[in-house]
Amino acid sequence: MSELVLTLAAAQGRSTGIWHAVELHRSPSEVDGACEVAVCGALARVDLDQAWDGDDEESCEACADLLY
């Protein structure tokens, strides 16, 4: 049986500054700094130096709800 593993990156929305979760389907070198569609559907700029945890005040509640 295979196990599904999600690779998530943190991405910041430009209009609100809220951090979103982005599921990576490409290598990190191809997405660093690029705008991607977040788990919640928002557009956000990927920042590989940030970790997505979903627990702080600046994290998107919709992304956290969809993932956890």
PDB file of N, CA and C in Angstrom:
ATOM      1  N   MET A   1       0.836  -1.160   0.000  1.00  0.00           N
ATOM      2  CA  MET A   1       0.000   0.000   0.000  1.00  0.00           C
ATOM      3  C   MET A   1       0.894   1.240   0.000  1.00  0.00           C
ATOM      4  N   SER A   2       0.560   2.213  -0.835  1.00  0.00           N
ATOM      5  CA  SER A   2       1.356   3.440  -0.886  1.00  0.00           C
ATOM      6  C   SER A   2       0.773   4.478   0.066  1.00  0.00           C
ATOM      7  N   GLU A   3       1.626   5.394   0.485  1.00  0.00           N
ATOM      8  CA  GLU A   3       1.229   6.441   1.420  1.00  0.00           C
ATOM      9  C   GLU A   3       1.304   7.782   0.724  1.00  0.00           C
ATOM     10  N   LEU A   4       0.268   8.593   0.871  1.00  0.00           N
ATOM     11  CA  LEU A   4       0.235   9.924   0.290  1.00  0.00           C
ATOM     12  C   LEU A   4       1.021  10.882   1.179  1.00  0.00           C
ATOM     13  N   VAL A   5       1.966  11.597   0.583  1.00  0.00           N
ATOM     14  CA  VAL A   5       2.766  12.566   1.325  1.00  0.00           C
ATOM     15  C   VAL A   5       2.580  13.929   0.673  1.00  0.00           C
ATOM     16  N   LEU A   6       2.113  14.904   1.453  1.00  0.00           N
ATOM     17  CA  LEU A   6       1.955  16.261   0.958  1.00  0.00           C
ATOM     18  C   LEU A   6       3.222  17.054   1.231  1.00  0.00           C
ATOM     19  N   THR A   7       3.694  17.758   0.224  1.00  0.00           N
ATOM     20  CA  THR A   7       4.818  18.664   0.403  1.00  0.00           C
ATOM     21  C   THR A   7       4.253  20.072   0.364  1.00  0.00           C
ATOM     22  N   LEU A   8       4.299  20.736   1.511  1.00  0.00           N
ATOM     23  CA  LEU A   8       3.707  22.065   1.628  1.00  0.00           C
ATOM     24  C   LEU A   8       4.777  23.133   1.750  1.00  0.00           C
ATOM     25  N   ALA A   9       4.481  24.277   1.168  1.00  0.00           N
ATOM     26  CA  ALA A   9       5.336  25.453   1.312  1.00  0.00           C
ATOM     27  C   ALA A   9       4.474  26.588   1.844  1.00  0.00           C
ATOM     28  N   ALA A  10       5.099  27.537   2.492  1.00  0.00           N
ATOM     29  CA  ALA A  10       4.399  28.733   2.958  1.00  0.00           C
ATOM     30  C   ALA A  10       4.429  29.772   1.844  1.00  0.00           C
ATOM     31  N   ALA A  11       3.332  30.495   1.703  1.00  0.00           N
ATOM     32  CA  ALA A  11       3.247  31.538   0.690  1.00  0.00           C
ATOM     33  C   ALA A  11       2.463  32.705   1.275  1.00  0.00           C
ATOM     34  N   GLN A  12       2.925  33.906   1.004  1.00  0.00           N
ATOM     35  CA  GLN A  12       2.291  35.087   1.586  1.00  0.00           C
ATOM     36  C   GLN A  12       1.421  35.794   0.559  1.00  0.00           C
ATOM     37  N   GLY A  13       0.186  36.072   0.966  1.00  0.00           N
ATOM     38  CA  GLY A  13      -0.721  36.829   0.112  1.00  0.00           C
ATOM     39  C   GLY A  13      -0.306  38.288   0.070  1.00  0.00           C
ATOM     40  N   ARG A  14      -0.276  38.867  -1.098  1.00  0.00           N
ATOM     41  CA  ARG A  14       0.197  40.250  -1.238  1.00  0.00           C
ATOM     42  C   ARG A  14      -0.787  41.262  -0.677  1.00  0.00           C
ATOM     43  N   SER A  15      -2.068  41.026  -0.857  1.00  0.00           N
ATOM     44  CA  SER A  15      -3.048  42.031  -0.440  1.00  0.00           C
ATOM     45  C   SER A  15      -3.268  42.062   1.069  1.00  0.00           C
ATOM     46  N   THR A  16      -3.154  40.911   1.736  1.00  0.00           N
ATOM     47  CA  THR A  16      -3.458  40.848   3.167  1.00  0.00           C
ATOM     48  C   THR A  16      -2.251  40.545   4.036  1.00  0.00           C
ATOM     49  N   GLY A  17      -1.210  39.967   3.467  1.00  0.00           N
ATOM     50  CA  GLY A  17      -0.043  39.571   4.246  1.00  0.00           C
ATOM     51  C   GLY A  17      -0.225  38.261   4.985  1.00  0.00           C
ATOM     52  N   ILE A  18      -1.381  37.625   4.810  1.00  0.00           N
ATOM     53  CA  ILE A  18      -1.658  36.353   5.476  1.00  0.00           C
ATOM     54  C   ILE A  18      -0.844  35.245   4.810  1.00  0.00           C
ATOM     55  N   TRP A  19      -0.357  34.298   5.640  1.00  0.00           N
ATOM     56  CA  TRP A  19       0.410  33.165   5.132  1.00  0.00           C
ATOM     57  C   TRP A  19      -0.525  32.021   4.765  1.00  0.00           C
ATOM     58  N   HIS A  20      -0.326  31.482   3.583  1.00  0.00           N
ATOM     59  CA  HIS A  20      -1.134  30.390   3.051  1.00  0.00           C
ATOM     60  C   HIS A  20      -0.270  29.142   2.880  1.00  0.00           C
ATOM     61  N   ALA A  21      -0.925  28.008   2.724  1.00  0.00           N
ATOM     62  CA  ALA A  21      -0.237  26.753   2.421  1.00  0.00           C
ATOM     63  C   ALA A  21      -0.362  26.477   0.927  1.00  0.00           C
ATOM     64  N   VAL A  22       0.742  26.108   0.308  1.00  0.00           N
ATOM     65  CA  VAL A  22       0.768  25.749  -1.111  1.00  0.00           C
ATOM     66  C   VAL A  22       1.321  24.341  -1.223  1.00  0.00           C
ATOM     67  N   GLU A  23       0.592  23.477  -1.921  1.00  0.00           N
ATOM     68  CA  GLU A  23       1.084  22.123  -2.161  1.00  0.00           C
ATOM     69  C   GLU A  23       2.037  22.168  -3.351  1.00  0.00           C
ATOM     70  N   LEU A  24       3.259  21.689  -3.137  1.00  0.00           N
ATOM     71  CA  LEU A  24       4.266  21.726  -4.199  1.00  0.00           C
ATOM     72  C   LEU A  24       4.158  20.498  -5.087  1.00  0.00           C
ATOM     73  N   HIS A  25       4.057  20.750  -6.374  1.00  0.00           N
ATOM     74  CA  HIS A  25       4.037  19.680  -7.369  1.00  0.00           C
ATOM     75  C   HIS A  25       5.296  19.698  -8.224  1.00  0.00           C
ATOM     76  N   ARG A  26       6.150  20.687  -7.986  1.00  0.00           N
ATOM     77  CA  ARG A  26       7.409  20.835  -8.724  1.00  0.00           C
ATOM     78  C   ARG A  26       8.542  20.957  -7.729  1.00  0.00           C
ATOM     79  N   SER A  27       9.755  20.954  -8.230  1.00  0.00           N
ATOM     80  CA  SER A  27      10.906  21.085  -7.336  1.00  0.00           C
ATOM     81  C   SER A  27      10.931  22.500  -6.745  1.00  0.00           C
ATOM     82  N   PRO A  28      11.429  22.643  -5.527  1.00  0.00           N
ATOM     83  CA  PRO A  28      11.475  23.957  -4.881  1.00  0.00           C
ATOM     84  C   PRO A  28      12.206  25.021  -5.699  1.00  0.00           C
ATOM     85  N   SER A  29      13.227  24.644  -6.445  1.00  0.00           N
ATOM     86  CA  SER A  29      13.967  25.631  -7.240  1.00  0.00           C
ATOM     87  C   SER A  29      13.099  26.257  -8.329  1.00  0.00           C
ATOM     88  N   GLU A  30      12.044  25.570  -8.736  1.00  0.00           N
ATOM     89  CA  GLU A  30      11.162  26.086  -9.785  1.00  0.00           C
ATOM     90  C   GLU A  30      10.072  27.011  -9.262  1.00  0.00           C
ATOM     91  N   VAL A  31       9.829  27.008  -7.956  1.00  0.00           N
ATOM     92  CA  VAL A  31       8.711  27.795  -7.433  1.00  0.00           C
ATOM     93  C   VAL A  31       9.120  28.909  -6.478  1.00  0.00           C
ATOM     94  N   ASP A  32      10.360  28.993  -6.064  1.00  0.00           N
ATOM     95  CA  ASP A  32      10.769  29.999  -5.089  1.00  0.00           C
ATOM     96  C   ASP A  32      10.480  31.401  -5.610  1.00  0.00           C
ATOM     97  N   GLY A  33       9.643  32.125  -4.901  1.00  0.00           N
ATOM     98  CA  GLY A  33       9.298  33.486  -5.279  1.00  0.00           C
ATOM     99  C   GLY A  33       8.167  33.597  -6.277  1.00  0.00           C
ATOM    100  N   ALA A  34       7.683  32.486  -6.782  1.00  0.00           N
ATOM    101  CA  ALA A  34       6.608  32.509  -7.766  1.00  0.00           C
ATOM    102  C   ALA A  34       5.250  32.583  -7.080  1.00  0.00           C
ATOM    103  N   CYS A  35       4.273  33.151  -7.765  1.00  0.00           N
ATOM    104  CA  CYS A  35       2.899  33.131  -7.266  1.00  0.00           C
ATOM    105  C   CYS A  35       2.291  31.781  -7.612  1.00  0.00           C
ATOM    106  N   GLU A  36       1.647  31.187  -6.627  1.00  0.00           N
ATOM    107  CA  GLU A  36       1.011  29.886  -6.796  1.00  0.00           C
ATOM    108  C   GLU A  36      -0.386  29.951  -6.193  1.00  0.00           C
ATOM    109  N   VAL A  37      -1.210  28.985  -6.539  1.00  0.00           N
ATOM    110  CA  VAL A  37      -2.543  28.885  -5.956  1.00  0.00           C
ATOM    111  C   VAL A  37      -2.431  28.134  -4.638  1.00  0.00           C
ATOM    112  N   ALA A  38      -2.892  28.757  -3.571  1.00  0.00           N
ATOM    113  CA  ALA A  38      -2.842  28.150  -2.242  1.00  0.00           C
ATOM    114  C   ALA A  38      -3.923  27.083  -2.109  1.00  0.00           C
ATOM    115  N   VAL A  39      -3.839  26.309  -1.054  1.00  0.00           N
ATOM    116  CA  VAL A  39      -4.807  25.251  -0.782  1.00  0.00           C
ATOM    117  C   VAL A  39      -6.228  25.813  -0.744  1.00  0.00           C
ATOM    118  N   CYS A  40      -6.392  27.038  -0.229  1.00  0.00           N
ATOM    119  CA  CYS A  40      -7.713  27.664  -0.117  1.00  0.00           C
ATOM    120  C   CYS A  40      -8.172  28.324  -1.415  1.00  0.00           C
ATOM    121  N   GLY A  41      -7.292  28.413  -2.412  1.00  0.00           N
ATOM    122  CA  GLY A  41      -7.640  29.019  -3.692  1.00  0.00           C
ATOM    123  C   GLY A  41      -7.084  30.418  -3.896  1.00  0.00           C
ATOM    124  N   ALA A  42      -6.486  30.999  -2.884  1.00  0.00           N
ATOM    125  CA  ALA A  42      -5.902  32.341  -2.999  1.00  0.00           C
ATOM    126  C   ALA A  42      -4.581  32.283  -3.763  1.00  0.00           C
ATOM    127  N   LEU A  43      -4.224  33.398  -4.394  1.00  0.00           N
ATOM    128  CA  LEU A  43      -2.907  33.514  -5.014  1.00  0.00           C
ATOM    129  C   LEU A  43      -1.937  34.058  -3.980  1.00  0.00           C
ATOM    130  N   ALA A  44      -0.786  33.428  -3.878  1.00  0.00           N
ATOM    131  CA  ALA A  44       0.198  33.847  -2.879  1.00  0.00           C
ATOM    132  C   ALA A  44       1.600  33.551  -3.396  1.00  0.00           C
ATOM    133  N   ARG A  45       2.559  34.358  -2.935  1.00  0.00           N
ATOM    134  CA  ARG A  45       3.950  34.220  -3.367  1.00  0.00           C
ATOM    135  C   ARG A  45       4.689  33.264  -2.437  1.00  0.00           C
ATOM    136  N   VAL A  46       5.257  32.199  -3.009  1.00  0.00           N
ATOM    137  CA  VAL A  46       5.953  31.166  -2.238  1.00  0.00           C
ATOM    138  C   VAL A  46       7.247  31.725  -1.658  1.00  0.00           C
ATOM    139  N   ASP A  47       7.487  31.405  -0.391  1.00  0.00           N
ATOM    140  CA  ASP A  47       8.722  31.778   0.299  1.00  0.00           C
ATOM    141  C   ASP A  47       9.264  30.523   0.972  1.00  0.00           C
ATOM    142  N   LEU A  48      10.272  29.915   0.373  1.00  0.00           N
ATOM    143  CA  LEU A  48      10.799  28.651   0.886  1.00  0.00           C
ATOM    144  C   LEU A  48      11.567  28.811   2.191  1.00  0.00           C
ATOM    145  N   ASP A  49      11.854  30.046   2.589  1.00  0.00           N
ATOM    146  CA  ASP A  49      12.529  30.276   3.869  1.00  0.00           C
ATOM    147  C   ASP A  49      11.558  30.237   5.048  1.00  0.00           C
ATOM    148  N   GLN A  50      10.269  30.256   4.760  1.00  0.00           N
ATOM    149  CA  GLN A  50       9.241  30.193   5.796  1.00  0.00           C
ATOM    150  C   GLN A  50       8.648  28.788   5.837  1.00  0.00           C
ATOM    151  N   ALA A  51       8.321  28.347   7.026  1.00  0.00           N
ATOM    152  CA  ALA A  51       7.678  27.037   7.183  1.00  0.00           C
ATOM    153  C   ALA A  51       6.185  27.241   7.407  1.00  0.00           C
ATOM    154  N   TRP A  52       5.370  26.399   6.792  1.00  0.00           N
ATOM    155  CA  TRP A  52       3.927  26.462   7.026  1.00  0.00           C
ATOM    156  C   TRP A  52       3.611  25.650   8.269  1.00  0.00           C
ATOM    157  N   ASP A  53       2.996  26.304   9.259  1.00  0.00           N
ATOM    158  CA  ASP A  53       2.557  25.550  10.432  1.00  0.00           C
ATOM    159  C   ASP A  53       1.059  25.684  10.666  1.00  0.00           C
ATOM    160  N   GLY A  54       0.466  26.782  10.215  1.00  0.00           N
ATOM    161  CA  GLY A  54      -0.973  26.950  10.310  1.00  0.00           C
ATOM    162  C   GLY A  54      -1.500  27.286  11.684  1.00  0.00           C
ATOM    163  N   ASP A  55      -0.609  27.494  12.656  1.00  0.00           N
ATOM    164  CA  ASP A  55      -1.048  27.716  14.031  1.00  0.00           C
ATOM    165  C   ASP A  55      -0.990  29.159  14.509  1.00  0.00           C
ATOM    166  N   ASP A  56      -0.347  30.044  13.765  1.00  0.00           N
ATOM    167  CA  ASP A  56      -0.218  31.404  14.285  1.00  0.00           C
ATOM    168  C   ASP A  56      -1.311  32.326  13.740  1.00  0.00           C
ATOM    169  N   GLU A  57      -1.352  33.547  14.254  1.00  0.00           N
ATOM    170  CA  GLU A  57      -2.386  34.514  13.876  1.00  0.00           C
ATOM    171  C   GLU A  57      -2.310  34.929  12.412  1.00  0.00           C
ATOM    172  N   GLU A  58      -1.144  34.818  11.814  1.00  0.00           N
ATOM    173  CA  GLU A  58      -0.955  35.272  10.441  1.00  0.00           C
ATOM    174  C   GLU A  58      -1.168  34.164   9.418  1.00  0.00           C
ATOM    175  N   SER A  59      -1.647  33.002   9.855  1.00  0.00           N
ATOM    176  CA  SER A  59      -1.898  31.886   8.942  1.00  0.00           C
ATOM    177  C   SER A  59      -3.350  31.895   8.485  1.00  0.00           C
ATOM    178  N   CYS A  60      -3.563  31.512   7.251  1.00  0.00           N
ATOM    179  CA  CYS A  60      -4.899  31.446   6.671  1.00  0.00           C
ATOM    180  C   CYS A  60      -5.717  30.349   7.366  1.00  0.00           C
ATOM    181  N   GLU A  61      -6.859  30.731   7.925  1.00  0.00           N
ATOM    182  CA  GLU A  61      -7.717  29.760   8.604  1.00  0.00           C
ATOM    183  C   GLU A  61      -8.294  28.742   7.628  1.00  0.00           C
ATOM    184  N   ALA A  62      -8.617  29.183   6.412  1.00  0.00           N
ATOM    185  CA  ALA A  62      -9.183  28.265   5.423  1.00  0.00           C
ATOM    186  C   ALA A  62      -8.170  27.194   5.030  1.00  0.00           C
ATOM    187  N   CYS A  63      -6.912  27.575   4.840  1.00  0.00           N
ATOM    188  CA  CYS A  63      -5.870  26.586   4.519  1.00  0.00           C
ATOM    189  C   CYS A  63      -5.735  25.581   5.662  1.00  0.00           C
ATOM    190  N   ALA A  64      -5.696  26.082   6.890  1.00  0.00           N
ATOM    191  CA  ALA A  64      -5.555  25.202   8.053  1.00  0.00           C
ATOM    192  C   ALA A  64      -6.747  24.262   8.170  1.00  0.00           C
ATOM    193  N   ASP A  65      -7.960  24.778   7.956  1.00  0.00           N
ATOM    194  CA  ASP A  65      -9.160  23.939   8.039  1.00  0.00           C
ATOM    195  C   ASP A  65      -9.151  22.844   6.980  1.00  0.00           C
ATOM    196  N   LEU A  66      -8.710  23.175   5.772  1.00  0.00           N
ATOM    197  CA  LEU A  66      -8.691  22.188   4.689  1.00  0.00           C
ATOM    198  C   LEU A  66      -7.626  21.120   4.898  1.00  0.00           C
ATOM    199  N   LEU A  67      -6.533  21.476   5.559  1.00  0.00           N
ATOM    200  CA  LEU A  67      -5.430  20.533   5.748  1.00  0.00           C
ATOM    201  C   LEU A  67      -5.544  19.716   7.019  1.00  0.00           C
ATOM    202  N   TYR A  68      -6.156  20.271   8.036  1.00  0.00           N
ATOM    203  CA  TYR A  68      -6.187  19.583   9.330  1.00  0.00           C
ATOM    204  C   TYR A  68      -7.591  19.264   9.676  1.00  0.00           C
TER     205      TYR A  68
END
